[in-house]
Amino acid sequence: MKTSILKFMIEKEYIKTNSMIHATIQSSGIGGMPVILNKDILYEDCAQSAKGGLYIKGCDPENLREYIVGASKIHQVNGMDEATIERLFPEIQ
């Protein structure tokens, strides 16, 4: 998802604590091998890197593990994908 969309939704408080975010996360599997999963996580906080990248900190409600996810790995916010958000909020550029 675009960084500008996520920034807009956080600034306008459409994304608050415990908002549902569907993202691709990397976790460790059996034997420590990395596993890539699509998971629903609950939004906790966000931060911006020095280069302008937006990172979301979220918690997996199933096992209470915390994950840090970049904006490009987020697919849906509160059940809405990027195209739906752009239709609902045309002021996002």
PDB file of N, CA and C in Angstrom:
ATOM      1  N   MET A   1       0.854  -1.169   0.000  1.00  0.00           N
ATOM      2  CA  MET A   1       0.000   0.000   0.000  1.00  0.00           C
ATOM      3  C   MET A   1       0.901   1.233   0.000  1.00  0.00           C
ATOM      4  N   LYS A   2       0.427   2.304  -0.584  1.00  0.00           N
ATOM      5  CA  LYS A   2       1.215   3.528  -0.666  1.00  0.00           C
ATOM      6  C   LYS A   2       1.390   4.163   0.710  1.00  0.00           C
ATOM      7  N   THR A   3       2.563   4.727   0.936  1.00  0.00           N
ATOM      8  CA  THR A   3       2.860   5.396   2.196  1.00  0.00           C
ATOM      9  C   THR A   3       1.937   6.589   2.410  1.00  0.00           C
ATOM     10  N   SER A   4       1.610   7.307   1.338  1.00  0.00           N
ATOM     11  CA  SER A   4       0.754   8.490   1.471  1.00  0.00           C
ATOM     12  C   SER A   4      -0.638   8.125   1.974  1.00  0.00           C
ATOM     13  N   ILE A   5      -1.153   6.976   1.555  1.00  0.00           N
ATOM     14  CA  ILE A   5      -2.475   6.532   2.018  1.00  0.00           C
ATOM     15  C   ILE A   5      -2.440   6.233   3.508  1.00  0.00           C
ATOM     16  N   LEU A   6      -1.414   5.510   3.942  1.00  0.00           N
ATOM     17  CA  LEU A   6      -1.315   5.170   5.361  1.00  0.00           C
ATOM     18  C   LEU A   6      -1.108   6.420   6.228  1.00  0.00           C
ATOM     19  N   LYS A   7      -0.275   7.349   5.770  1.00  0.00           N
ATOM     20  CA  LYS A   7      -0.067   8.594   6.529  1.00  0.00           C
ATOM     21  C   LYS A   7      -1.373   9.367   6.679  1.00  0.00           C
ATOM     22  N   PHE A   8      -2.132   9.474   5.581  1.00  0.00           N
ATOM     23  CA  PHE A   8      -3.407  10.186   5.610  1.00  0.00           C
ATOM     24  C   PHE A   8      -4.355   9.543   6.610  1.00  0.00           C
ATOM     25  N   MET A   9      -4.464   8.229   6.552  1.00  0.00           N
ATOM     26  CA  MET A   9      -5.409   7.533   7.434  1.00  0.00           C
ATOM     27  C   MET A   9      -4.994   7.607   8.901  1.00  0.00           C
ATOM     28  N   ILE A  10      -3.707   7.647   9.173  1.00  0.00           N
ATOM     29  CA  ILE A  10      -3.234   7.785  10.560  1.00  0.00           C
ATOM     30  C   ILE A  10      -3.457   9.212  11.052  1.00  0.00           C
ATOM     31  N   GLU A  11      -3.156  10.202  10.209  1.00  0.00           N
ATOM     32  CA  GLU A  11      -3.345  11.605  10.603  1.00  0.00           C
ATOM     33  C   GLU A  11      -4.811  11.934  10.857  1.00  0.00           C
ATOM     34  N   LYS A  12      -5.704  11.393  10.033  1.00  0.00           N
ATOM     35  CA  LYS A  12      -7.141  11.657  10.174  1.00  0.00           C
ATOM     36  C   LYS A  12      -7.811  10.701  11.173  1.00  0.00           C
ATOM     37  N   GLU A  13      -7.000   9.860  11.816  1.00  0.00           N
ATOM     38  CA  GLU A  13      -7.438   8.911  12.848  1.00  0.00           C
ATOM     39  C   GLU A  13      -8.433   7.874  12.332  1.00  0.00           C
ATOM     40  N   TYR A  14      -8.293   7.461  11.062  1.00  0.00           N
ATOM     41  CA  TYR A  14      -9.056   6.337  10.555  1.00  0.00           C
ATOM     42  C   TYR A  14      -8.390   5.029  10.987  1.00  0.00           C
ATOM     43  N   ILE A  15      -7.084   5.101  11.246  1.00  0.00           N
ATOM     44  CA  ILE A  15      -6.352   3.968  11.805  1.00  0.00           C
ATOM     45  C   ILE A  15      -6.026   4.333  13.244  1.00  0.00           C
ATOM     46  N   LYS A  16      -6.585   3.588  14.171  1.00  0.00           N
ATOM     47  CA  LYS A  16      -6.358   3.808  15.599  1.00  0.00           C
ATOM     48  C   LYS A  16      -5.825   2.510  16.205  1.00  0.00           C
ATOM     49  N   THR A  17      -5.558   2.531  17.483  1.00  0.00           N
ATOM     50  CA  THR A  17      -5.119   1.335  18.181  1.00  0.00           C
ATOM     51  C   THR A  17      -6.140   0.213  17.975  1.00  0.00           C
ATOM     52  N   ASN A  18      -5.643  -0.968  17.688  1.00  0.00           N
ATOM     53  CA  ASN A  18      -6.423  -2.182  17.453  1.00  0.00           C
ATOM     54  C   ASN A  18      -7.186  -2.193  16.127  1.00  0.00           C
ATOM     55  N   SER A  19      -6.833  -1.330  15.179  1.00  0.00           N
ATOM     56  CA  SER A  19      -7.397  -1.432  13.826  1.00  0.00           C
ATOM     57  C   SER A  19      -6.806  -2.671  13.156  1.00  0.00           C
ATOM     58  N   MET A  20      -7.613  -3.350  12.362  1.00  0.00           N
ATOM     59  CA  MET A  20      -7.174  -4.585  11.714  1.00  0.00           C
ATOM     60  C   MET A  20      -6.388  -4.269  10.451  1.00  0.00           C
ATOM     61  N   ILE A  21      -5.194  -4.843  10.340  1.00  0.00           N
ATOM     62  CA  ILE A  21      -4.325  -4.650   9.182  1.00  0.00           C
ATOM     63  C   ILE A  21      -3.955  -6.026   8.643  1.00  0.00           C
ATOM     64  N   HIS A  22      -4.212  -6.242   7.355  1.00  0.00           N
ATOM     65  CA  HIS A  22      -3.840  -7.500   6.705  1.00  0.00           C
ATOM     66  C   HIS A  22      -2.515  -7.255   5.996  1.00  0.00           C
ATOM     67  N   ALA A  23      -1.484  -8.007   6.387  1.00  0.00           N
ATOM     68  CA  ALA A  23      -0.141  -7.757   5.863  1.00  0.00           C
ATOM     69  C   ALA A  23       0.607  -9.067   5.649  1.00  0.00           C
ATOM     70  N   THR A  24       1.683  -8.973   4.872  1.00  0.00           N
ATOM     71  CA  THR A  24       2.601 -10.082   4.691  1.00  0.00           C
ATOM     72  C   THR A  24       3.712  -9.918   5.720  1.00  0.00           C
ATOM     73  N   ILE A  25       3.881 -10.913   6.573  1.00  0.00           N
ATOM     74  CA  ILE A  25       4.910 -10.838   7.614  1.00  0.00           C
ATOM     75  C   ILE A  25       5.890 -11.979   7.437  1.00  0.00           C
ATOM     76  N   GLN A  26       7.081 -11.790   7.994  1.00  0.00           N
ATOM     77  CA  GLN A  26       8.076 -12.854   7.989  1.00  0.00           C
ATOM     78  C   GLN A  26       8.270 -13.309   9.421  1.00  0.00           C
ATOM     79  N   SER A  27       8.142 -14.597   9.632  1.00  0.00           N
ATOM     80  CA  SER A  27       8.259 -15.167  10.963  1.00  0.00           C
ATOM     81  C   SER A  27       9.215 -16.350  10.894  1.00  0.00           C
ATOM     82  N   SER A  28       9.603 -16.850  12.036  1.00  0.00           N
ATOM     83  CA  SER A  28      10.467 -18.021  12.048  1.00  0.00           C
ATOM     84  C   SER A  28       9.615 -19.267  12.248  1.00  0.00           C
ATOM     85  N   GLY A  29       9.895 -20.290  11.462  1.00  0.00           N
ATOM     86  CA  GLY A  29       9.138 -21.533  11.534  1.00  0.00           C
ATOM     87  C   GLY A  29       9.920 -22.603  12.276  1.00  0.00           C
ATOM     88  N   ILE A  30       9.640 -23.839  11.956  1.00  0.00           N
ATOM     89  CA  ILE A  30      10.317 -24.966  12.592  1.00  0.00           C
ATOM     90  C   ILE A  30      11.792 -24.947  12.221  1.00  0.00           C
ATOM     91  N   GLY A  31      12.641 -25.054  13.201  1.00  0.00           N
ATOM     92  CA  GLY A  31      14.077 -25.052  12.970  1.00  0.00           C
ATOM     93  C   GLY A  31      14.643 -23.677  12.683  1.00  0.00           C
ATOM     94  N   GLY A  32      13.868 -22.638  12.908  1.00  0.00           N
ATOM     95  CA  GLY A  32      14.358 -21.277  12.696  1.00  0.00           C
ATOM     96  C   GLY A  32      14.339 -20.814  11.262  1.00  0.00           C
ATOM     97  N   MET A  33      13.760 -21.601  10.373  1.00  0.00           N
ATOM     98  CA  MET A  33      13.681 -21.209   8.967  1.00  0.00           C
ATOM     99  C   MET A  33      12.665 -20.075   8.806  1.00  0.00           C
ATOM    100  N   PRO A  34      12.992 -19.057   8.005  1.00  0.00           N
ATOM    101  CA  PRO A  34      12.028 -17.971   7.806  1.00  0.00           C
ATOM    102  C   PRO A  34      10.808 -18.424   7.006  1.00  0.00           C
ATOM    103  N   VAL A  35       9.645 -17.987   7.449  1.00  0.00           N
ATOM    104  CA  VAL A  35       8.382 -18.328   6.806  1.00  0.00           C
ATOM    105  C   VAL A  35       7.644 -17.028   6.503  1.00  0.00           C
ATOM    106  N   ILE A  36       7.133 -16.887   5.284  1.00  0.00           N
ATOM    107  CA  ILE A  36       6.388 -15.691   4.899  1.00  0.00           C
ATOM    108  C   ILE A  36       4.900 -16.033   4.947  1.00  0.00           C
ATOM    109  N   LEU A  37       4.138 -15.244   5.722  1.00  0.00           N
ATOM    110  CA  LEU A  37       2.720 -15.501   5.942  1.00  0.00           C
ATOM    111  C   LEU A  37       1.893 -14.258   5.687  1.00  0.00           C
ATOM    112  N   ASN A  38       0.641 -14.449   5.271  1.00  0.00           N
ATOM    113  CA  ASN A  38      -0.334 -13.364   5.233  1.00  0.00           C
ATOM    114  C   ASN A  38      -1.125 -13.442   6.521  1.00  0.00           C
ATOM    115  N   LYS A  39      -1.070 -12.393   7.342  1.00  0.00           N
ATOM    116  CA  LYS A  39      -1.712 -12.411   8.661  1.00  0.00           C
ATOM    117  C   LYS A  39      -2.501 -11.130   8.879  1.00  0.00           C
ATOM    118  N   ASP A  40      -3.499 -11.232   9.745  1.00  0.00           N
ATOM    119  CA  ASP A  40      -4.207 -10.064  10.245  1.00  0.00           C
ATOM    120  C   ASP A  40      -3.559  -9.675  11.561  1.00  0.00           C
ATOM    121  N   ILE A  41      -3.084  -8.441  11.638  1.00  0.00           N
ATOM    122  CA  ILE A  41      -2.480  -7.945  12.870  1.00  0.00           C
ATOM    123  C   ILE A  41      -3.251  -6.718  13.342  1.00  0.00           C
ATOM    124  N   LEU A  42      -3.129  -6.411  14.608  1.00  0.00           N
ATOM    125  CA  LEU A  42      -3.790  -5.249  15.190  1.00  0.00           C
ATOM    126  C   LEU A  42      -2.782  -4.113  15.306  1.00  0.00           C
ATOM    127  N   TYR A  43      -3.147  -2.938  14.785  1.00  0.00           N
ATOM    128  CA  TYR A  43      -2.280  -1.760  14.782  1.00  0.00           C
ATOM    129  C   TYR A  43      -2.002  -1.297  16.200  1.00  0.00           C
ATOM    130  N   GLU A  44      -0.728  -1.001  16.485  1.00  0.00           N
ATOM    131  CA  GLU A  44      -0.347  -0.442  17.773  1.00  0.00           C
ATOM    132  C   GLU A  44       0.296   0.932  17.638  1.00  0.00           C
ATOM    133  N   ASP A  45       1.263   1.049  16.725  1.00  0.00           N
ATOM    134  CA  ASP A  45       2.005   2.305  16.601  1.00  0.00           C
ATOM    135  C   ASP A  45       2.642   2.356  15.219  1.00  0.00           C
ATOM    136  N   CYS A  46       3.179   3.520  14.863  1.00  0.00           N
ATOM    137  CA  CYS A  46       3.874   3.653  13.588  1.00  0.00           C
ATOM    138  C   CYS A  46       5.097   4.538  13.770  1.00  0.00           C
ATOM    139  N   ALA A  47       6.020   4.436  12.833  1.00  0.00           N
ATOM    140  CA  ALA A  47       7.225   5.265  12.842  1.00  0.00           C
ATOM    141  C   ALA A  47       7.668   5.482  11.405  1.00  0.00           C
ATOM    142  N   GLN A  48       8.383   6.571  11.197  1.00  0.00           N
ATOM    143  CA  GLN A  48       8.882   6.893   9.865  1.00  0.00           C
ATOM    144  C   GLN A  48      10.403   6.873   9.903  1.00  0.00           C
ATOM    145  N   SER A  49      11.008   6.239   8.906  1.00  0.00           N
ATOM    146  CA  SER A  49      12.461   6.168   8.843  1.00  0.00           C
ATOM    147  C   SER A  49      13.024   7.482   8.303  1.00  0.00           C
ATOM    148  N   ALA A  50      14.328   7.621   8.381  1.00  0.00           N
ATOM    149  CA  ALA A  50      14.990   8.829   7.892  1.00  0.00           C
ATOM    150  C   ALA A  50      14.823   9.002   6.381  1.00  0.00           C
ATOM    151  N   LYS A  51      14.661   7.904   5.663  1.00  0.00           N
ATOM    152  CA  LYS A  51      14.486   7.956   4.209  1.00  0.00           C
ATOM    153  C   LYS A  51      13.029   8.116   3.803  1.00  0.00           C
ATOM    154  N   GLY A  52      12.111   8.195   4.760  1.00  0.00           N
ATOM    155  CA  GLY A  52      10.703   8.426   4.454  1.00  0.00           C
ATOM    156  C   GLY A  52       9.832   7.192   4.443  1.00  0.00           C
ATOM    157  N   GLY A  53      10.385   6.039   4.760  1.00  0.00           N
ATOM    158  CA  GLY A  53       9.590   4.814   4.801  1.00  0.00           C
ATOM    159  C   GLY A  53       8.724   4.778   6.054  1.00  0.00           C
ATOM    160  N   LEU A  54       7.526   4.248   5.917  1.00  0.00           N
ATOM    161  CA  LEU A  54       6.593   4.160   7.041  1.00  0.00           C
ATOM    162  C   LEU A  54       6.532   2.715   7.512  1.00  0.00           C
ATOM    163  N   TYR A  55       6.664   2.521   8.812  1.00  0.00           N
ATOM    164  CA  TYR A  55       6.644   1.192   9.406  1.00  0.00           C
ATOM    165  C   TYR A  55       5.552   1.125  10.459  1.00  0.00           C
ATOM    166  N   ILE A  56       4.810   0.031  10.436  1.00  0.00           N
ATOM    167  CA  ILE A  56       3.702  -0.181  11.350  1.00  0.00           C
ATOM    168  C   ILE A  56       4.081  -1.276  12.336  1.00  0.00           C
ATOM    169  N   LYS A  57       3.840  -1.020  13.611  1.00  0.00           N
ATOM    170  CA  LYS A  57       4.028  -2.038  14.637  1.00  0.00           C
ATOM    171  C   LYS A  57       2.658  -2.614  14.955  1.00  0.00           C
ATOM    172  N   GLY A  58       2.549  -3.931  14.873  1.00  0.00           N
ATOM    173  CA  GLY A  58       1.273  -4.574  15.127  1.00  0.00           C
ATOM    174  C   GLY A  58       1.438  -5.839  15.936  1.00  0.00           C
ATOM    175  N   CYS A  59       0.344  -6.289  16.504  1.00  0.00           N
ATOM    176  CA  CYS A  59       0.327  -7.484  17.336  1.00  0.00           C
ATOM    177  C   CYS A  59      -0.589  -8.519  16.704  1.00  0.00           C
ATOM    178  N   ASP A  60      -0.128  -9.754  16.637  1.00  0.00           N
ATOM    179  CA  ASP A  60      -0.945 -10.854  16.146  1.00  0.00           C
ATOM    180  C   ASP A  60      -1.844 -11.323  17.288  1.00  0.00           C
ATOM    181  N   PRO A  61      -3.169 -11.223  17.149  1.00  0.00           N
ATOM    182  CA  PRO A  61      -4.053 -11.589  18.256  1.00  0.00           C
ATOM    183  C   PRO A  61      -4.070 -13.084  18.566  1.00  0.00           C
ATOM    184  N   GLU A  62      -3.623 -13.922  17.634  1.00  0.00           N
ATOM    185  CA  GLU A  62      -3.639 -15.364  17.865  1.00  0.00           C
ATOM    186  C   GLU A  62      -2.554 -15.821  18.830  1.00  0.00           C
ATOM    187  N   ASN A  63      -1.340 -15.257  18.674  1.00  0.00           N
ATOM    188  CA  ASN A  63      -0.239 -15.700  19.525  1.00  0.00           C
ATOM    189  C   ASN A  63       0.448 -14.554  20.274  1.00  0.00           C
ATOM    190  N   LEU A  64      -0.101 -13.344  20.179  1.00  0.00           N
ATOM    191  CA  LEU A  64       0.380 -12.154  20.887  1.00  0.00           C
ATOM    192  C   LEU A  64       1.829 -11.798  20.580  1.00  0.00           C
ATOM    193  N   ARG A  65       2.293 -12.129  19.382  1.00  0.00           N
ATOM    194  CA  ARG A  65       3.624 -11.710  18.948  1.00  0.00           C
ATOM    195  C   ARG A  65       3.526 -10.369  18.249  1.00  0.00           C
ATOM    196  N   GLU A  66       4.559  -9.557  18.411  1.00  0.00           N
ATOM    197  CA  GLU A  66       4.591  -8.244  17.757  1.00  0.00           C
ATOM    198  C   GLU A  66       5.403  -8.328  16.478  1.00  0.00           C
ATOM    199  N   TYR A  67       4.952  -7.600  15.466  1.00  0.00           N
ATOM    200  CA  TYR A  67       5.620  -7.568  14.171  1.00  0.00           C
ATOM    201  C   TYR A  67       5.778  -6.114  13.733  1.00  0.00           C
ATOM    202  N   ILE A  68       6.857  -5.853  13.005  1.00  0.00           N
ATOM    203  CA  ILE A  68       7.087  -4.558  12.363  1.00  0.00           C
ATOM    204  C   ILE A  68       6.937  -4.793  10.862  1.00  0.00           C
ATOM    205  N   VAL A  69       6.042  -4.024  10.227  1.00  0.00           N
ATOM    206  CA  VAL A  69       5.719  -4.233   8.816  1.00  0.00           C
ATOM    207  C   VAL A  69       5.889  -2.920   8.067  1.00  0.00           C
ATOM    208  N   GLY A  70       6.557  -2.974   6.914  1.00  0.00           N
ATOM    209  CA  GLY A  70       6.684  -1.800   6.062  1.00  0.00           C
ATOM    210  C   GLY A  70       5.398  -1.540   5.301  1.00  0.00           C
ATOM    211  N   ALA A  71       5.251  -0.316   4.814  1.00  0.00           N
ATOM    212  CA  ALA A  71       4.028   0.081   4.111  1.00  0.00           C
ATOM    213  C   ALA A  71       3.786  -0.762   2.861  1.00  0.00           C
ATOM    214  N   SER A  72       4.826  -1.183   2.195  1.00  0.00           N
ATOM    215  CA  SER A  72       4.656  -1.964   0.959  1.00  0.00           C
ATOM    216  C   SER A  72       4.120  -3.371   1.220  1.00  0.00           C
ATOM    217  N   LYS A  73       4.226  -3.858   2.442  1.00  0.00           N
ATOM    218  CA  LYS A  73       3.764  -5.213   2.782  1.00  0.00           C
ATOM    219  C   LYS A  73       2.331  -5.231   3.311  1.00  0.00           C
ATOM    220  N   ILE A  74       1.700  -4.073   3.426  1.00  0.00           N
ATOM    221  CA  ILE A  74       0.325  -3.991   3.920  1.00  0.00           C
ATOM    222  C   ILE A  74      -0.631  -4.081   2.739  1.00  0.00           C
ATOM    223  N   HIS A  75      -1.643  -4.957   2.847  1.00  0.00           N
ATOM    224  CA  HIS A  75      -2.582  -5.177   1.753  1.00  0.00           C
ATOM    225  C   HIS A  75      -3.952  -4.566   2.022  1.00  0.00           C
ATOM    226  N   GLN A  76      -4.406  -4.613   3.271  1.00  0.00           N
ATOM    227  CA  GLN A  76      -5.721  -4.084   3.619  1.00  0.00           C
ATOM    228  C   GLN A  76      -5.661  -3.409   4.985  1.00  0.00           C
ATOM    229  N   VAL A  77      -6.490  -2.379   5.143  1.00  0.00           N
ATOM    230  CA  VAL A  77      -6.653  -1.700   6.421  1.00  0.00           C
ATOM    231  C   VAL A  77      -8.140  -1.718   6.750  1.00  0.00           C
ATOM    232  N   ASN A  78      -8.503  -2.305   7.865  1.00  0.00           N
ATOM    233  CA  ASN A  78      -9.905  -2.439   8.277  1.00  0.00           C
ATOM    234  C   ASN A  78     -10.775  -3.047   7.179  1.00  0.00           C
ATOM    235  N   GLY A  79     -10.220  -4.006   6.452  1.00  0.00           N
ATOM    236  CA  GLY A  79     -10.965  -4.700   5.405  1.00  0.00           C
ATOM    237  C   GLY A  79     -11.030  -3.977   4.077  1.00  0.00           C
ATOM    238  N   MET A  80     -10.374  -2.829   3.947  1.00  0.00           N
ATOM    239  CA  MET A  80     -10.400  -2.050   2.698  1.00  0.00           C
ATOM    240  C   MET A  80      -9.033  -2.130   2.023  1.00  0.00           C
ATOM    241  N   ASP A  81      -9.038  -2.452   0.738  1.00  0.00           N
ATOM    242  CA  ASP A  81      -7.782  -2.459   0.005  1.00  0.00           C
ATOM    243  C   ASP A  81      -7.475  -1.056  -0.525  1.00  0.00           C
ATOM    244  N   GLU A  82      -6.353  -0.928  -1.209  1.00  0.00           N
ATOM    245  CA  GLU A  82      -5.886   0.386  -1.681  1.00  0.00           C
ATOM    246  C   GLU A  82      -6.883   1.059  -2.623  1.00  0.00           C
ATOM    247  N   ALA A  83      -7.453   0.308  -3.560  1.00  0.00           N
ATOM    248  CA  ALA A  83      -8.402   0.877  -4.524  1.00  0.00           C
ATOM    249  C   ALA A  83      -9.667   1.388  -3.830  1.00  0.00           C
ATOM    250  N   THR A  84     -10.152   0.648  -2.850  1.00  0.00           N
ATOM    251  CA  THR A  84     -11.351   1.069  -2.112  1.00  0.00           C
ATOM    252  C   THR A  84     -11.095   2.347  -1.336  1.00  0.00           C
ATOM    253  N   ILE A  85      -9.942   2.434  -0.688  1.00  0.00           N
ATOM    254  CA  ILE A  85      -9.599   3.634   0.084  1.00  0.00           C
ATOM    255  C   ILE A  85      -9.487   4.844  -0.833  1.00  0.00           C
ATOM    256  N   GLU A  86      -8.874   4.673  -2.014  1.00  0.00           N
ATOM    257  CA  GLU A  86      -8.749   5.790  -2.950  1.00  0.00           C
ATOM    258  C   GLU A  86     -10.108   6.249  -3.468  1.00  0.00           C
ATOM    259  N   ARG A  87     -11.069   5.318  -3.627  1.00  0.00           N
ATOM    260  CA  ARG A  87     -12.417   5.709  -4.059  1.00  0.00           C
ATOM    261  C   ARG A  87     -13.146   6.452  -2.949  1.00  0.00           C
ATOM    262  N   LEU A  88     -12.992   6.001  -1.702  1.00  0.00           N
ATOM    263  CA  LEU A  88     -13.699   6.641  -0.585  1.00  0.00           C
ATOM    264  C   LEU A  88     -13.106   8.002  -0.216  1.00  0.00           C
ATOM    265  N   PHE A  89     -11.806   8.145  -0.392  1.00  0.00           N
ATOM    266  CA  PHE A  89     -11.108   9.379  -0.027  1.00  0.00           C
ATOM    267  C   PHE A  89     -10.344   9.915  -1.233  1.00  0.00           C
ATOM    268  N   PRO A  90     -11.025  10.593  -2.168  1.00  0.00           N
ATOM    269  CA  PRO A  90     -10.338  11.079  -3.372  1.00  0.00           C
ATOM    270  C   PRO A  90      -9.326  12.185  -3.090  1.00  0.00           C
ATOM    271  N   GLU A  91      -9.340  12.766  -1.896  1.00  0.00           N
ATOM    272  CA  GLU A  91      -8.388  13.819  -1.568  1.00  0.00           C
ATOM    273  C   GLU A  91      -6.983  13.284  -1.310  1.00  0.00           C
ATOM    274  N   ILE A  92      -6.833  11.972  -1.217  1.00  0.00           N
ATOM    275  CA  ILE A  92      -5.502  11.379  -1.026  1.00  0.00           C
ATOM    276  C   ILE A  92      -4.756  11.433  -2.352  1.00  0.00           C
ATOM    277  N   GLN A  93      -3.567  11.970  -2.325  1.00  0.00           N
ATOM    278  CA  GLN A  93      -2.728  12.027  -3.529  1.00  0.00           C
ATOM    279  C   GLN A  93      -1.405  11.396  -3.263  1.00  0.00           C
TER     280      GLN A  93
END
